[in-house]
Every structure is written in C-alpha cells, then in structure tokens.
C-alpha cells in the first residue's frame, strides 16, 4: 500500500491542479477501500477466534455419551455461538462487498490514469476483466504510433 501512496504522490504532479486532484481522489478511494479490507480482515480473524473458542467450550461441556438436556450454561454457549456465527458471516460478506468496490474503484483509477478507450469501458472490475487485453493493446498501439511520429519529426 505504501508503494501505491508513493505512486500517487509522484504522479499527481504530472497533471494540472484540477486533474491532479481528480487523479489523487480516484486512487485515494482504492487506498481507502484497501484499508477497509484490512479492518474487516482483522475483525473477521477476531470473530472467528471467538466463535471457535465458544464452539470448543460447548463441545467440551457435552457429556461423553452426548446424552441429556442442555444445561443453562450450555444453552447460553449455544446462543452465543449463533450470535458469533452471525458476526463471522457479516465479516465474510463485508469483505466480499468491499473487495468488489475496491476492484471497481481500481478499474476507474486505471481508466482515469491511462485514459478512456472508445468502446472499451472500464466502468467496473467486470469491464476491466473483459476489456483489459484489448484496452492494453489499443493503448500500446497509440503509444507506439506517438513515439514513431515523434521520431520522424
């Protein structure tokens, strides 16, 4: 992440002020969502550990033959397990959603930095996946044509 922050700082100056701000903002969204994912990952790790500990405690509390009625303590452990399981699933789904947002914002940042290409939108990660090869080829050809033109002059 530090490399991306450095990249933004170094390349922001390549643009005029307004466009430099837009460039920095587009990549700051990528950085922000990456940090969100780090927070979600940490919370998932904590929630998973709590769920696993609760489950182990519940398993150890069951008599060897597994017969009998839940004690009040076991009933509380079971209820806590349900709440902890929900927390784990929330973090998994949050990671997925924010990961998708991160990928979409990355596609937007790529398109802003390198420019749009007719009929090859990068409005989402899905578009980036579908269009990346043709987008890169089109951009490479334009760069090649520009460099050959400047060599002639």
C-alpha atoms as a PDB file:
ATOM      1  CA  UNK A   1       0.000   0.000   0.000  1.00  0.00           C
ATOM      2  CA  UNK A   2       2.906   2.332   0.679  1.00  0.00           C
ATOM      3  CA  UNK A   3       4.035   1.901  -2.946  1.00  0.00           C
ATOM      4  CA  UNK A   4       0.617   2.994  -4.177  1.00  0.00           C
ATOM      5  CA  UNK A   5       0.664   6.029  -1.875  1.00  0.00           C
ATOM      6  CA  UNK A   6       4.124   6.894  -3.208  1.00  0.00           C
ATOM      7  CA  UNK A   7       2.908   6.448  -6.778  1.00  0.00           C
ATOM      8  CA  UNK A   8       0.048   8.879  -6.166  1.00  0.00           C
ATOM      9  CA  UNK A   9       2.410  11.447  -4.647  1.00  0.00           C
ATOM     10  CA  UNK A  10       4.903  11.142  -7.516  1.00  0.00           C
ATOM     11  CA  UNK A  11       2.409  11.145 -10.385  1.00  0.00           C
ATOM     12  CA  UNK A  12      -0.064  13.671  -9.057  1.00  0.00           C
ATOM     13  CA  UNK A  13       2.294  16.401 -10.178  1.00  0.00           C
ATOM     14  CA  UNK A  14       2.141  15.160 -13.784  1.00  0.00           C
ATOM     15  CA  UNK A  15      -1.343  16.656 -14.068  1.00  0.00           C
ATOM     16  CA  UNK A  16      -2.624  20.199 -13.883  1.00  0.00           C
ATOM     17  CA  UNK A  17      -4.005  21.005 -10.417  1.00  0.00           C
ATOM     18  CA  UNK A  18      -7.629  20.062 -11.065  1.00  0.00           C
ATOM     19  CA  UNK A  19      -6.759  16.813 -12.826  1.00  0.00           C
ATOM     20  CA  UNK A  20      -4.088  16.017 -10.241  1.00  0.00           C
ATOM     21  CA  UNK A  21      -6.764  16.304  -7.566  1.00  0.00           C
ATOM     22  CA  UNK A  22      -9.117  14.038  -9.527  1.00  0.00           C
ATOM     23  CA  UNK A  23      -6.286  11.520 -10.033  1.00  0.00           C
ATOM     24  CA  UNK A  24      -5.397  11.575  -6.329  1.00  0.00           C
ATOM     25  CA  UNK A  25      -9.053  11.258  -5.337  1.00  0.00           C
ATOM     26  CA  UNK A  26      -9.624   8.261  -7.599  1.00  0.00           C
ATOM     27  CA  UNK A  27      -6.633   6.446  -6.156  1.00  0.00           C
ATOM     28  CA  UNK A  28      -7.459   7.548  -2.608  1.00  0.00           C
ATOM     29  CA  UNK A  29     -10.694   5.573  -2.993  1.00  0.00           C
ATOM     30  CA  UNK A  30      -8.628   2.478  -3.808  1.00  0.00           C
ATOM     31  CA  UNK A  31      -6.409   3.089  -0.783  1.00  0.00           C
ATOM     32  CA  UNK A  32      -9.411   3.721   1.495  1.00  0.00           C
ATOM     33  CA  UNK A  33     -11.149   0.517   0.445  1.00  0.00           C
ATOM     34  CA  UNK A  34      -7.922  -1.440   0.872  1.00  0.00           C
ATOM     35  CA  UNK A  35      -7.739  -0.127   4.446  1.00  0.00           C
ATOM     36  CA  UNK A  36     -11.390  -1.082   4.964  1.00  0.00           C
ATOM     37  CA  UNK A  37     -10.482  -4.616   3.885  1.00  0.00           C
ATOM     38  CA  UNK A  38      -7.617  -4.672   6.391  1.00  0.00           C
ATOM     39  CA  UNK A  39     -10.037  -3.674   9.167  1.00  0.00           C
ATOM     40  CA  UNK A  40     -12.617  -6.242   8.053  1.00  0.00           C
ATOM     41  CA  UNK A  41      -9.942  -8.954   7.898  1.00  0.00           C
ATOM     42  CA  UNK A  42      -8.836  -8.154  11.440  1.00  0.00           C
ATOM     43  CA  UNK A  43     -12.447  -8.193  12.689  1.00  0.00           C
ATOM     44  CA  UNK A  44     -13.066 -11.499  10.873  1.00  0.00           C
ATOM     45  CA  UNK A  45      -9.997 -13.034  12.498  1.00  0.00           C
ATOM     46  CA  UNK A  46     -11.204 -11.909  15.933  1.00  0.00           C
ATOM     47  CA  UNK A  47     -14.799 -13.045  15.316  1.00  0.00           C
ATOM     48  CA  UNK A  48     -13.609 -16.433  14.017  1.00  0.00           C
ATOM     49  CA  UNK A  49     -11.382 -16.960  17.053  1.00  0.00           C
ATOM     50  CA  UNK A  50     -14.273 -16.099  19.399  1.00  0.00           C
ATOM     51  CA  UNK A  51     -16.615 -18.440  17.519  1.00  0.00           C
ATOM     52  CA  UNK A  52     -14.060 -21.283  17.578  1.00  0.00           C
ATOM     53  CA  UNK A  53     -13.384 -20.791  21.303  1.00  0.00           C
ATOM     54  CA  UNK A  54     -17.104 -20.765  22.067  1.00  0.00           C
ATOM     55  CA  UNK A  55     -17.646 -23.914  19.980  1.00  0.00           C
ATOM     56  CA  UNK A  56     -14.778 -25.737  21.699  1.00  0.00           C
ATOM     57  CA  UNK A  57     -16.134 -24.777  25.118  1.00  0.00           C
ATOM     58  CA  UNK A  58     -19.592 -26.039  24.144  1.00  0.00           C
ATOM     59  CA  UNK A  59     -18.171 -29.318  22.792  1.00  0.00           C
ATOM     60  CA  UNK A  60     -16.157 -29.898  25.991  1.00  0.00           C
ATOM     61  CA  UNK A  61     -19.282 -29.312  28.085  1.00  0.00           C
ATOM     62  CA  UNK A  62     -21.219 -32.155  26.456  1.00  0.00           C
ATOM     63  CA  UNK A  63     -21.087 -35.443  28.392  1.00  0.00           C
ATOM     64  CA  UNK A  64     -19.036 -38.229  26.750  1.00  0.00           C
ATOM     65  CA  UNK A  65     -22.108 -40.156  25.632  1.00  0.00           C
ATOM     66  CA  UNK A  66     -23.793 -36.977  24.398  1.00  0.00           C
ATOM     67  CA  UNK A  67     -26.998 -37.634  26.273  1.00  0.00           C
ATOM     68  CA  UNK A  68     -29.004 -35.347  28.428  1.00  0.00           C
ATOM     69  CA  UNK A  69     -30.611 -31.963  28.345  1.00  0.00           C
ATOM     70  CA  UNK A  70     -28.699 -28.755  27.745  1.00  0.00           C
ATOM     71  CA  UNK A  71     -27.706 -27.096  30.969  1.00  0.00           C
ATOM     72  CA  UNK A  72     -28.390 -23.360  31.242  1.00  0.00           C
ATOM     73  CA  UNK A  73     -24.666 -22.781  30.670  1.00  0.00           C
ATOM     74  CA  UNK A  74     -24.728 -24.896  27.502  1.00  0.00           C
ATOM     75  CA  UNK A  75     -27.847 -23.116  26.279  1.00  0.00           C
ATOM     76  CA  UNK A  76     -26.042 -19.778  26.731  1.00  0.00           C
ATOM     77  CA  UNK A  77     -22.986 -21.102  24.870  1.00  0.00           C
ATOM     78  CA  UNK A  78     -25.255 -22.286  22.058  1.00  0.00           C
ATOM     79  CA  UNK A  79     -26.993 -18.893  21.841  1.00  0.00           C
ATOM     80  CA  UNK A  80     -23.625 -17.119  21.934  1.00  0.00           C
ATOM     81  CA  UNK A  81     -22.431 -19.397  19.121  1.00  0.00           C
ATOM     82  CA  UNK A  82     -25.351 -18.284  16.988  1.00  0.00           C
ATOM     83  CA  UNK A  83     -24.507 -14.605  17.582  1.00  0.00           C
ATOM     84  CA  UNK A  84     -20.798 -15.229  16.949  1.00  0.00           C
ATOM     85  CA  UNK A  85     -21.552 -17.155  13.759  1.00  0.00           C
ATOM     86  CA  UNK A  86     -23.594 -14.221  12.507  1.00  0.00           C
ATOM     87  CA  UNK A  87     -20.663 -11.881  13.233  1.00  0.00           C
ATOM     88  CA  UNK A  88     -18.292 -14.152  11.275  1.00  0.00           C
ATOM     89  CA  UNK A  89     -20.667 -14.247   8.297  1.00  0.00           C
ATOM     90  CA  UNK A  90     -21.094 -10.465   8.430  1.00  0.00           C
ATOM     91  CA  UNK A  91     -17.330 -10.013   8.128  1.00  0.00           C
ATOM     92  CA  UNK A  92     -17.084 -12.517   5.265  1.00  0.00           C
ATOM     93  CA  UNK A  93     -19.839 -10.770   3.328  1.00  0.00           C
ATOM     94  CA  UNK A  94     -18.417  -7.332   4.172  1.00  0.00           C
ATOM     95  CA  UNK A  95     -15.042  -8.428   2.816  1.00  0.00           C
ATOM     96  CA  UNK A  96     -16.672  -9.598  -0.387  1.00  0.00           C
ATOM     97  CA  UNK A  97     -18.647  -6.363  -0.862  1.00  0.00           C
ATOM     98  CA  UNK A  98     -15.776  -4.029  -0.059  1.00  0.00           C
ATOM     99  CA  UNK A  99     -13.434  -6.156  -2.158  1.00  0.00           C
ATOM    100  CA  UNK A 100     -15.776  -5.739  -5.102  1.00  0.00           C
ATOM    101  CA  UNK A 101     -15.901  -1.982  -4.515  1.00  0.00           C
ATOM    102  CA  UNK A 102     -12.081  -1.919  -4.355  1.00  0.00           C
ATOM    103  CA  UNK A 103     -11.830  -3.726  -7.683  1.00  0.00           C
ATOM    104  CA  UNK A 104     -14.365  -1.387  -9.311  1.00  0.00           C
ATOM    105  CA  UNK A 105     -12.528   1.674  -7.980  1.00  0.00           C
ATOM    106  CA  UNK A 106      -9.255   0.211  -9.285  1.00  0.00           C
ATOM    107  CA  UNK A 107     -10.776  -0.092 -12.761  1.00  0.00           C
ATOM    108  CA  UNK A 108     -11.899   3.551 -12.586  1.00  0.00           C
ATOM    109  CA  UNK A 109      -8.427   4.665 -11.479  1.00  0.00           C
ATOM    110  CA  UNK A 110      -6.762   2.737 -14.325  1.00  0.00           C
ATOM    111  CA  UNK A 111      -9.085   4.326 -16.855  1.00  0.00           C
ATOM    112  CA  UNK A 112      -8.513   7.781 -15.419  1.00  0.00           C
ATOM    113  CA  UNK A 113      -4.739   7.399 -15.374  1.00  0.00           C
ATOM    114  CA  UNK A 114      -4.343   5.854 -18.829  1.00  0.00           C
ATOM    115  CA  UNK A 115      -7.392   7.471 -20.417  1.00  0.00           C
ATOM    116  CA  UNK A 116     -10.572   6.073 -21.845  1.00  0.00           C
ATOM    117  CA  UNK A 117     -10.644   3.985 -24.972  1.00  0.00           C
ATOM    118  CA  UNK A 118     -13.568   4.046 -27.371  1.00  0.00           C
ATOM    119  CA  UNK A 119     -15.867   1.001 -26.996  1.00  0.00           C
ATOM    120  CA  UNK A 120     -13.673  -0.409 -24.192  1.00  0.00           C
ATOM    121  CA  UNK A 121     -15.115   0.975 -20.961  1.00  0.00           C
ATOM    122  CA  UNK A 122     -13.541   0.300 -17.582  1.00  0.00           C
ATOM    123  CA  UNK A 123     -16.597   1.209 -15.519  1.00  0.00           C
ATOM    124  CA  UNK A 124     -16.225  -1.833 -13.283  1.00  0.00           C
ATOM    125  CA  UNK A 125     -13.909  -4.704 -12.484  1.00  0.00           C
ATOM    126  CA  UNK A 126     -16.054  -6.875 -14.733  1.00  0.00           C
ATOM    127  CA  UNK A 127     -15.454  -4.456 -17.632  1.00  0.00           C
ATOM    128  CA  UNK A 128     -11.739  -4.401 -16.801  1.00  0.00           C
ATOM    129  CA  UNK A 129     -11.605  -8.206 -16.881  1.00  0.00           C
ATOM    130  CA  UNK A 130     -13.444  -8.354 -20.199  1.00  0.00           C
ATOM    131  CA  UNK A 131     -11.636  -5.468 -21.882  1.00  0.00           C
ATOM    132  CA  UNK A 132      -8.133  -5.406 -20.395  1.00  0.00           C
ATOM    133  CA  UNK A 133      -6.299  -7.148 -23.229  1.00  0.00           C
ATOM    134  CA  UNK A 134      -7.937  -5.076 -25.970  1.00  0.00           C
ATOM    135  CA  UNK A 135      -7.608  -1.907 -23.853  1.00  0.00           C
ATOM    136  CA  UNK A 136      -3.877  -2.523 -23.302  1.00  0.00           C
ATOM    137  CA  UNK A 137      -3.342  -3.351 -26.972  1.00  0.00           C
ATOM    138  CA  UNK A 138      -5.136  -0.171 -28.043  1.00  0.00           C
ATOM    139  CA  UNK A 139      -3.140   1.936 -25.588  1.00  0.00           C
ATOM    140  CA  UNK A 140       0.139   0.297 -26.647  1.00  0.00           C
ATOM    141  CA  UNK A 141      -0.614   0.960 -30.312  1.00  0.00           C
ATOM    142  CA  UNK A 142      -1.367   4.602 -29.602  1.00  0.00           C
ATOM    143  CA  UNK A 143       1.876   4.922 -27.654  1.00  0.00           C
ATOM    144  CA  UNK A 144       3.797   3.202 -30.425  1.00  0.00           C
ATOM    145  CA  UNK A 145       2.270   5.448 -33.102  1.00  0.00           C
ATOM    146  CA  UNK A 146       3.015   8.543 -30.983  1.00  0.00           C
ATOM    147  CA  UNK A 147       6.628   7.503 -30.404  1.00  0.00           C
ATOM    148  CA  UNK A 148       7.182   6.715 -34.113  1.00  0.00           C
ATOM    149  CA  UNK A 149       5.642  10.056 -35.085  1.00  0.00           C
ATOM    150  CA  UNK A 150       7.916  11.946 -32.706  1.00  0.00           C
ATOM    151  CA  UNK A 151      10.952  10.038 -34.055  1.00  0.00           C
ATOM    152  CA  UNK A 152      10.188  11.212 -37.596  1.00  0.00           C
ATOM    153  CA  UNK A 153       9.988  14.862 -36.636  1.00  0.00           C
END
